[in-house]
Every structure is written in C-alpha cells, then in structure tokens.
Amino acid sequence: MLLFNQKVIKLSVIIIAFALFAGCAFIQDPLGQKKMAELRQNAESIFRRQNTASSQVMILTMDEEDSALSDAELTMQEACAALNAYVIRAISSDDFLMLDFLAQQQVISSLDNCDAATKKLEALLLPPFTVDD
C-alpha cells in the first residue's frame, strides 16, 4: 500500500512541476508592462505632435483668421482633452504613479481619436505640393 502512495505522490509532483514550468514558459509579459510602455510612448508622441501643430496654427493665424485651421485645431483640442488634462495633472502631481486608473483609461480610449484629429490638422498645415515639369 505504501508503494502505491509513493507512486501517486511522485506522479503528482511531476505533473504539478510540469504544469508550473509550462505556465511560466508561455507567459512573457503577465502584467502588460511592454504594452503599457508602448502606450505611454504613443501618448507622448501624440501629445508632442498636437502641441507642435497648435503652435504652428497660432503662428499662421496671428495676422489673419483661417477657419479651416481653427476648426481643425478646436476638433483636435476636444479629441485630446483627456490626454492634455492627464499630462497637466501628471506634471503638477507629486506622486505621478498614483494618478487614478479611470483617468488613465480615459486617455487610452481617447488616443485613437486624438491621433486622427492631430493627423488631420497636420495635413492642413503641410504646404501643398506642386510638380514642376
């Protein structure tokens, strides 16, 4: 009877060890840190691009009003409101890592719209291309 229990225990230990090793081998980024780092870089890039575009609009519309540029900038500002508010809170916060999870989720969900609005404004800011023959 003792032999049977030893075989069962050894087999159980082997199965459990195999399951643990197999589980660890397949999980490469369990906390999503790589994805969060990519999102952070993407958000920073969009934030910088939209600030550059806003600065260019301010320079271009100092003397005269361009409604297409102004409308596109307003659309971009509305689409990027969550990102801008988050960055302002992060800059002024003593504990950046403790910013609330809801604000982070709002930023993440608004990044695509913010990026699209920024690209639209950037396209308006590009000088028209001419082909000389």
N, C-alpha and C. Protein backbone atom coordinates (compact mmCIF):
# COMPACT_ATOMS: atom_id res chain seq x y z
N MET A 1 0.82 -1.18 0.00
CA MET A 1 0.00 0.00 0.00
C MET A 1 0.87 1.26 0.00
N LEU A 2 1.95 1.23 0.70
CA LEU A 2 2.85 2.35 0.78
C LEU A 2 3.47 2.66 -0.58
N LEU A 3 3.77 1.65 -1.36
CA LEU A 3 4.32 1.84 -2.70
C LEU A 3 3.37 2.61 -3.60
N PHE A 4 2.09 2.31 -3.53
CA PHE A 4 1.11 2.99 -4.35
C PHE A 4 1.07 4.48 -4.02
N ASN A 5 1.08 4.83 -2.76
CA ASN A 5 1.04 6.22 -2.34
C ASN A 5 2.30 6.97 -2.80
N GLN A 6 3.43 6.32 -2.75
CA GLN A 6 4.67 6.97 -3.21
C GLN A 6 4.62 7.22 -4.71
N LYS A 7 4.08 6.26 -5.47
CA LYS A 7 3.97 6.44 -6.92
C LYS A 7 3.01 7.59 -7.25
N VAL A 8 1.91 7.65 -6.54
CA VAL A 8 0.92 8.71 -6.77
C VAL A 8 1.52 10.07 -6.42
N ILE A 9 2.24 10.12 -5.32
CA ILE A 9 2.86 11.38 -4.91
C ILE A 9 3.90 11.82 -5.92
N LYS A 10 4.76 10.88 -6.35
CA LYS A 10 5.79 11.23 -7.34
C LYS A 10 5.15 11.70 -8.64
N LEU A 11 4.12 11.00 -9.09
CA LEU A 11 3.43 11.37 -10.32
C LEU A 11 2.76 12.74 -10.18
N SER A 12 2.17 12.99 -9.04
CA SER A 12 1.52 14.28 -8.79
C SER A 12 2.53 15.42 -8.80
N VAL A 13 3.69 15.18 -8.16
CA VAL A 13 4.74 16.19 -8.13
C VAL A 13 5.24 16.48 -9.54
N ILE A 14 5.42 15.45 -10.33
CA ILE A 14 5.89 15.63 -11.71
C ILE A 14 4.87 16.41 -12.53
N ILE A 15 3.61 16.06 -12.40
CA ILE A 15 2.55 16.75 -13.16
C ILE A 15 2.46 18.22 -12.74
N ILE A 16 2.50 18.48 -11.46
CA ILE A 16 2.41 19.85 -10.96
C ILE A 16 3.63 20.66 -11.40
N ALA A 17 4.82 20.06 -11.31
CA ALA A 17 6.03 20.75 -11.74
C ALA A 17 5.97 21.06 -13.23
N PHE A 18 5.53 20.10 -14.03
CA PHE A 18 5.42 20.32 -15.47
C PHE A 18 4.43 21.45 -15.76
N ALA A 19 3.29 21.45 -15.08
CA ALA A 19 2.28 22.49 -15.29
C ALA A 19 2.83 23.87 -14.92
N LEU A 20 3.56 23.96 -13.83
CA LEU A 20 4.14 25.23 -13.41
C LEU A 20 5.19 25.72 -14.41
N PHE A 21 6.06 24.83 -14.83
CA PHE A 21 7.09 25.22 -15.80
C PHE A 21 6.48 25.60 -17.14
N ALA A 22 5.49 24.87 -17.58
CA ALA A 22 4.84 25.17 -18.86
C ALA A 22 4.12 26.51 -18.78
N GLY A 23 3.46 26.78 -17.66
CA GLY A 23 2.77 28.05 -17.48
C GLY A 23 3.72 29.22 -17.47
N CYS A 24 4.84 29.07 -16.84
CA CYS A 24 5.83 30.15 -16.79
C CYS A 24 6.49 30.37 -18.14
N ALA A 25 6.63 29.34 -18.91
CA ALA A 25 7.29 29.45 -20.20
C ALA A 25 6.43 30.21 -21.21
N PHE A 26 5.13 30.12 -21.10
CA PHE A 26 4.24 30.74 -22.09
C PHE A 26 3.87 32.17 -21.75
N ILE A 27 3.99 32.58 -20.53
CA ILE A 27 3.63 33.94 -20.13
C ILE A 27 4.87 34.82 -20.26
N GLN A 28 4.86 35.71 -21.25
CA GLN A 28 6.03 36.54 -21.49
C GLN A 28 5.91 37.91 -20.82
N ASP A 29 4.71 38.45 -20.78
CA ASP A 29 4.52 39.77 -20.18
C ASP A 29 3.22 39.74 -19.38
N PRO A 30 3.24 39.09 -18.21
CA PRO A 30 1.98 38.86 -17.49
C PRO A 30 1.29 40.13 -17.02
N LEU A 31 2.02 41.18 -16.75
CA LEU A 31 1.41 42.41 -16.25
C LEU A 31 1.15 43.42 -17.36
N GLY A 32 1.53 43.09 -18.58
CA GLY A 32 1.31 44.00 -19.70
C GLY A 32 2.22 45.21 -19.67
N GLN A 33 3.38 45.07 -19.05
CA GLN A 33 4.28 46.21 -18.92
C GLN A 33 4.80 46.67 -20.27
N LYS A 34 5.04 45.74 -21.18
CA LYS A 34 5.53 46.11 -22.50
C LYS A 34 4.46 46.90 -23.26
N LYS A 35 3.23 46.43 -23.19
CA LYS A 35 2.12 47.13 -23.86
C LYS A 35 1.90 48.51 -23.24
N MET A 36 2.00 48.61 -21.93
CA MET A 36 1.83 49.91 -21.26
C MET A 36 2.95 50.86 -21.65
N ALA A 37 4.17 50.36 -21.79
CA ALA A 37 5.29 51.21 -22.22
C ALA A 37 5.06 51.71 -23.64
N GLU A 38 4.55 50.85 -24.51
CA GLU A 38 4.23 51.28 -25.88
C GLU A 38 3.13 52.32 -25.90
N LEU A 39 2.10 52.12 -25.08
CA LEU A 39 1.01 53.09 -24.99
C LEU A 39 1.53 54.43 -24.47
N ARG A 40 2.40 54.39 -23.48
CA ARG A 40 2.97 55.60 -22.91
C ARG A 40 3.77 56.37 -23.96
N GLN A 41 4.57 55.63 -24.75
CA GLN A 41 5.36 56.27 -25.81
C GLN A 41 4.45 56.84 -26.90
N ASN A 42 3.41 56.11 -27.25
CA ASN A 42 2.46 56.57 -28.25
C ASN A 42 1.75 57.84 -27.77
N ALA A 43 1.31 57.84 -26.52
CA ALA A 43 0.63 59.02 -25.97
C ALA A 43 1.57 60.21 -25.93
N GLU A 44 2.81 59.99 -25.56
CA GLU A 44 3.78 61.09 -25.52
C GLU A 44 4.02 61.65 -26.92
N SER A 45 4.13 60.77 -27.90
CA SER A 45 4.33 61.20 -29.28
C SER A 45 3.15 62.03 -29.78
N ILE A 46 1.94 61.56 -29.51
CA ILE A 46 0.73 62.29 -29.93
C ILE A 46 0.68 63.64 -29.22
N PHE A 47 1.00 63.66 -27.93
CA PHE A 47 0.97 64.91 -27.17
C PHE A 47 1.95 65.93 -27.77
N ARG A 48 3.14 65.49 -28.08
CA ARG A 48 4.14 66.40 -28.67
C ARG A 48 3.69 66.90 -30.05
N ARG A 49 3.16 65.98 -30.87
CA ARG A 49 2.71 66.37 -32.21
C ARG A 49 1.56 67.36 -32.16
N GLN A 50 0.61 67.14 -31.25
CA GLN A 50 -0.52 68.07 -31.19
C GLN A 50 -0.10 69.42 -30.65
N ASN A 51 0.86 69.46 -29.76
CA ASN A 51 1.37 70.75 -29.27
C ASN A 51 2.12 71.49 -30.38
N THR A 52 2.88 70.76 -31.18
CA THR A 52 3.58 71.37 -32.31
C THR A 52 2.58 71.92 -33.32
N ALA A 53 1.55 71.15 -33.62
CA ALA A 53 0.52 71.59 -34.56
C ALA A 53 -0.20 72.83 -34.04
N SER A 54 -0.53 72.86 -32.75
CA SER A 54 -1.19 74.03 -32.17
C SER A 54 -0.30 75.26 -32.26
N SER A 55 0.98 75.09 -32.01
CA SER A 55 1.91 76.21 -32.11
C SER A 55 1.97 76.74 -33.55
N GLN A 56 1.99 75.83 -34.51
CA GLN A 56 2.02 76.26 -35.90
C GLN A 56 0.74 77.00 -36.28
N VAL A 57 -0.40 76.54 -35.80
CA VAL A 57 -1.66 77.22 -36.07
C VAL A 57 -1.64 78.62 -35.48
N MET A 58 -1.13 78.76 -34.27
CA MET A 58 -1.05 80.08 -33.64
C MET A 58 -0.18 81.01 -34.47
N ILE A 59 0.93 80.53 -34.98
CA ILE A 59 1.82 81.36 -35.78
C ILE A 59 1.15 81.73 -37.10
N LEU A 60 0.51 80.77 -37.74
CA LEU A 60 -0.10 81.02 -39.05
C LEU A 60 -1.33 81.92 -38.97
N THR A 61 -2.01 81.93 -37.86
CA THR A 61 -3.25 82.70 -37.75
C THR A 61 -3.08 83.97 -36.93
N MET A 62 -1.85 84.40 -36.72
CA MET A 62 -1.63 85.63 -35.95
C MET A 62 -2.23 86.84 -36.66
N ASP A 63 -2.03 86.93 -37.97
CA ASP A 63 -2.48 88.10 -38.71
C ASP A 63 -3.86 87.94 -39.30
N GLU A 64 -4.20 86.75 -39.71
CA GLU A 64 -5.50 86.53 -40.34
C GLU A 64 -6.11 85.24 -39.83
N GLU A 65 -7.42 85.20 -39.82
CA GLU A 65 -8.15 84.05 -39.33
C GLU A 65 -8.34 83.04 -40.46
N ASP A 66 -8.00 81.80 -40.20
CA ASP A 66 -8.23 80.71 -41.15
C ASP A 66 -9.20 79.75 -40.48
N SER A 67 -10.44 79.76 -40.96
CA SER A 67 -11.48 78.98 -40.28
C SER A 67 -11.23 77.47 -40.36
N ALA A 68 -10.66 77.01 -41.47
CA ALA A 68 -10.40 75.57 -41.59
C ALA A 68 -9.36 75.13 -40.55
N LEU A 69 -8.30 75.91 -40.41
CA LEU A 69 -7.28 75.59 -39.40
C LEU A 69 -7.84 75.70 -37.99
N SER A 70 -8.60 76.76 -37.73
CA SER A 70 -9.17 76.96 -36.40
C SER A 70 -10.14 75.85 -36.03
N ASP A 71 -10.97 75.45 -36.99
CA ASP A 71 -11.92 74.37 -36.73
C ASP A 71 -11.20 73.05 -36.48
N ALA A 72 -10.18 72.77 -37.28
CA ALA A 72 -9.41 71.54 -37.11
C ALA A 72 -8.68 71.54 -35.77
N GLU A 73 -8.16 72.70 -35.38
CA GLU A 73 -7.47 72.78 -34.09
C GLU A 73 -8.45 72.58 -32.94
N LEU A 74 -9.64 73.17 -33.04
CA LEU A 74 -10.65 73.00 -32.00
C LEU A 74 -11.06 71.53 -31.89
N THR A 75 -11.25 70.88 -33.03
CA THR A 75 -11.60 69.46 -33.02
C THR A 75 -10.49 68.64 -32.36
N MET A 76 -9.24 68.98 -32.68
CA MET A 76 -8.11 68.27 -32.09
C MET A 76 -8.07 68.50 -30.57
N GLN A 77 -8.27 69.74 -30.15
CA GLN A 77 -8.23 70.04 -28.71
C GLN A 77 -9.32 69.27 -27.96
N GLU A 78 -10.50 69.17 -28.57
CA GLU A 78 -11.58 68.42 -27.93
C GLU A 78 -11.26 66.93 -27.88
N ALA A 79 -10.68 66.40 -28.97
CA ALA A 79 -10.35 64.97 -29.01
C ALA A 79 -9.20 64.64 -28.05
N CYS A 80 -8.33 65.60 -27.80
CA CYS A 80 -7.15 65.37 -26.96
C CYS A 80 -7.32 65.91 -25.54
N ALA A 81 -8.53 66.26 -25.17
CA ALA A 81 -8.76 66.87 -23.86
C ALA A 81 -8.34 65.94 -22.72
N ALA A 82 -8.68 64.67 -22.82
CA ALA A 82 -8.32 63.72 -21.74
C ALA A 82 -6.80 63.58 -21.62
N LEU A 83 -6.12 63.51 -22.75
CA LEU A 83 -4.65 63.39 -22.74
C LEU A 83 -4.03 64.65 -22.14
N ASN A 84 -4.49 65.81 -22.57
CA ASN A 84 -3.91 67.06 -22.05
C ASN A 84 -4.16 67.22 -20.56
N ALA A 85 -5.37 66.90 -20.11
CA ALA A 85 -5.68 67.00 -18.68
C ALA A 85 -4.82 66.05 -17.87
N TYR A 86 -4.60 64.85 -18.40
CA TYR A 86 -3.78 63.86 -17.70
C TYR A 86 -2.34 64.34 -17.59
N VAL A 87 -1.81 64.89 -18.67
CA VAL A 87 -0.42 65.36 -18.65
C VAL A 87 -0.27 66.52 -17.67
N ILE A 88 -1.23 67.44 -17.66
CA ILE A 88 -1.17 68.57 -16.73
C ILE A 88 -1.21 68.07 -15.29
N ARG A 89 -2.08 67.09 -15.01
CA ARG A 89 -2.14 66.52 -13.65
C ARG A 89 -0.85 65.80 -13.31
N ALA A 90 -0.26 65.12 -14.29
CA ALA A 90 0.98 64.37 -14.04
C ALA A 90 2.12 65.32 -13.74
N ILE A 91 2.17 66.44 -14.45
CA ILE A 91 3.24 67.41 -14.24
C ILE A 91 3.10 68.07 -12.87
N SER A 92 1.88 68.38 -12.48
CA SER A 92 1.69 69.10 -11.23
C SER A 92 1.56 68.18 -10.01
N SER A 93 1.47 66.87 -10.25
CA SER A 93 1.29 65.92 -9.15
C SER A 93 2.64 65.56 -8.53
N ASP A 94 2.65 65.44 -7.22
CA ASP A 94 3.86 65.00 -6.53
C ASP A 94 4.08 63.50 -6.73
N ASP A 95 3.00 62.75 -6.82
CA ASP A 95 3.10 61.30 -6.95
C ASP A 95 2.47 60.88 -8.28
N PHE A 96 3.26 60.96 -9.35
CA PHE A 96 2.78 60.68 -10.70
C PHE A 96 2.20 59.27 -10.83
N LEU A 97 2.78 58.29 -10.17
CA LEU A 97 2.35 56.91 -10.31
C LEU A 97 0.98 56.65 -9.67
N MET A 98 0.54 57.53 -8.81
CA MET A 98 -0.71 57.31 -8.11
C MET A 98 -1.91 57.99 -8.79
N LEU A 99 -1.72 58.54 -10.01
CA LEU A 99 -2.85 59.13 -10.71
C LEU A 99 -3.89 58.05 -10.92
N ASP A 100 -5.17 58.45 -10.86
CA ASP A 100 -6.21 57.44 -10.84
C ASP A 100 -6.32 56.63 -12.12
N PHE A 101 -6.76 55.41 -11.94
CA PHE A 101 -6.88 54.44 -13.02
C PHE A 101 -7.92 54.88 -14.04
N LEU A 102 -9.00 55.51 -13.59
CA LEU A 102 -10.05 55.96 -14.50
C LEU A 102 -9.51 56.99 -15.49
N ALA A 103 -8.70 57.91 -15.02
CA ALA A 103 -8.11 58.92 -15.93
C ALA A 103 -7.20 58.25 -16.95
N GLN A 104 -6.45 57.26 -16.53
CA GLN A 104 -5.58 56.53 -17.46
C GLN A 104 -6.40 55.83 -18.53
N GLN A 105 -7.50 55.22 -18.13
CA GLN A 105 -8.35 54.52 -19.09
C GLN A 105 -9.02 55.49 -20.06
N GLN A 106 -9.39 56.67 -19.58
CA GLN A 106 -9.96 57.69 -20.47
C GLN A 106 -8.94 58.14 -21.50
N VAL A 107 -7.71 58.30 -21.09
CA VAL A 107 -6.65 58.68 -22.03
C VAL A 107 -6.45 57.59 -23.06
N ILE A 108 -6.36 56.36 -22.61
CA ILE A 108 -6.13 55.25 -23.53
C ILE A 108 -7.26 55.14 -24.55
N SER A 109 -8.49 55.30 -24.08
CA SER A 109 -9.62 55.16 -25.01
C SER A 109 -9.74 56.35 -25.95
N SER A 110 -9.14 57.48 -25.62
CA SER A 110 -9.23 58.66 -26.49
C SER A 110 -8.03 58.82 -27.42
N LEU A 111 -7.01 57.99 -27.27
CA LEU A 111 -5.79 58.16 -28.07
C LEU A 111 -6.03 58.07 -29.57
N ASP A 112 -6.85 57.14 -30.01
CA ASP A 112 -7.09 56.98 -31.45
C ASP A 112 -7.75 58.22 -32.04
N ASN A 113 -8.78 58.75 -31.35
CA ASN A 113 -9.45 59.96 -31.84
C ASN A 113 -8.51 61.16 -31.81
N CYS A 114 -7.71 61.25 -30.78
CA CYS A 114 -6.74 62.34 -30.66
C CYS A 114 -5.71 62.27 -31.78
N ASP A 115 -5.21 61.07 -32.05
CA ASP A 115 -4.24 60.88 -33.11
C ASP A 115 -4.84 61.24 -34.48
N ALA A 116 -6.07 60.80 -34.73
CA ALA A 116 -6.73 61.09 -36.01
C ALA A 116 -6.94 62.59 -36.19
N ALA A 117 -7.37 63.27 -35.14
CA ALA A 117 -7.59 64.72 -35.23
C ALA A 117 -6.27 65.46 -35.41
N THR A 118 -5.23 64.98 -34.76
CA THR A 118 -3.90 65.59 -34.91
C THR A 118 -3.40 65.41 -36.34
N LYS A 119 -3.57 64.22 -36.89
CA LYS A 119 -3.14 63.97 -38.27
C LYS A 119 -3.90 64.85 -39.26
N LYS A 120 -5.18 65.06 -39.00
CA LYS A 120 -5.99 65.91 -39.89
C LYS A 120 -5.46 67.34 -39.87
N LEU A 121 -5.16 67.85 -38.68
CA LEU A 121 -4.61 69.20 -38.58
C LEU A 121 -3.23 69.27 -39.20
N GLU A 122 -2.41 68.27 -38.98
CA GLU A 122 -1.07 68.25 -39.58
C GLU A 122 -1.15 68.27 -41.10
N ALA A 123 -2.14 67.56 -41.66
CA ALA A 123 -2.31 67.54 -43.11
C ALA A 123 -2.68 68.93 -43.63
N LEU A 124 -3.46 69.66 -42.87
CA LEU A 124 -3.82 71.03 -43.27
C LEU A 124 -2.63 71.97 -43.18
N LEU A 125 -1.72 71.67 -42.29
CA LEU A 125 -0.55 72.53 -42.09
C LEU A 125 0.54 72.29 -43.12
N LEU A 126 0.52 71.13 -43.76
CA LEU A 126 1.54 70.83 -44.77
C LEU A 126 1.34 71.74 -45.99
N PRO A 127 2.43 72.26 -46.54
CA PRO A 127 2.27 73.08 -47.73
C PRO A 127 1.85 72.21 -48.91
N PRO A 128 1.03 72.75 -49.82
CA PRO A 128 0.62 71.95 -50.96
C PRO A 128 1.83 71.66 -51.87
N PHE A 129 1.87 70.45 -52.38
CA PHE A 129 2.97 70.04 -53.24
C PHE A 129 2.67 70.44 -54.69
N THR A 130 3.66 70.95 -55.36
CA THR A 130 3.50 71.27 -56.77
C THR A 130 4.53 70.48 -57.55
N VAL A 131 4.13 70.07 -58.72
CA VAL A 131 5.04 69.32 -59.58
C VAL A 131 5.43 70.21 -60.73
N ASP A 132 6.74 70.46 -60.86
CA ASP A 132 7.24 71.28 -61.95
C ASP A 132 7.69 70.37 -63.07
N ASP A 133 7.21 70.64 -64.27
CA ASP A 133 7.63 69.83 -65.42
C ASP A 133 8.76 70.48 -66.16
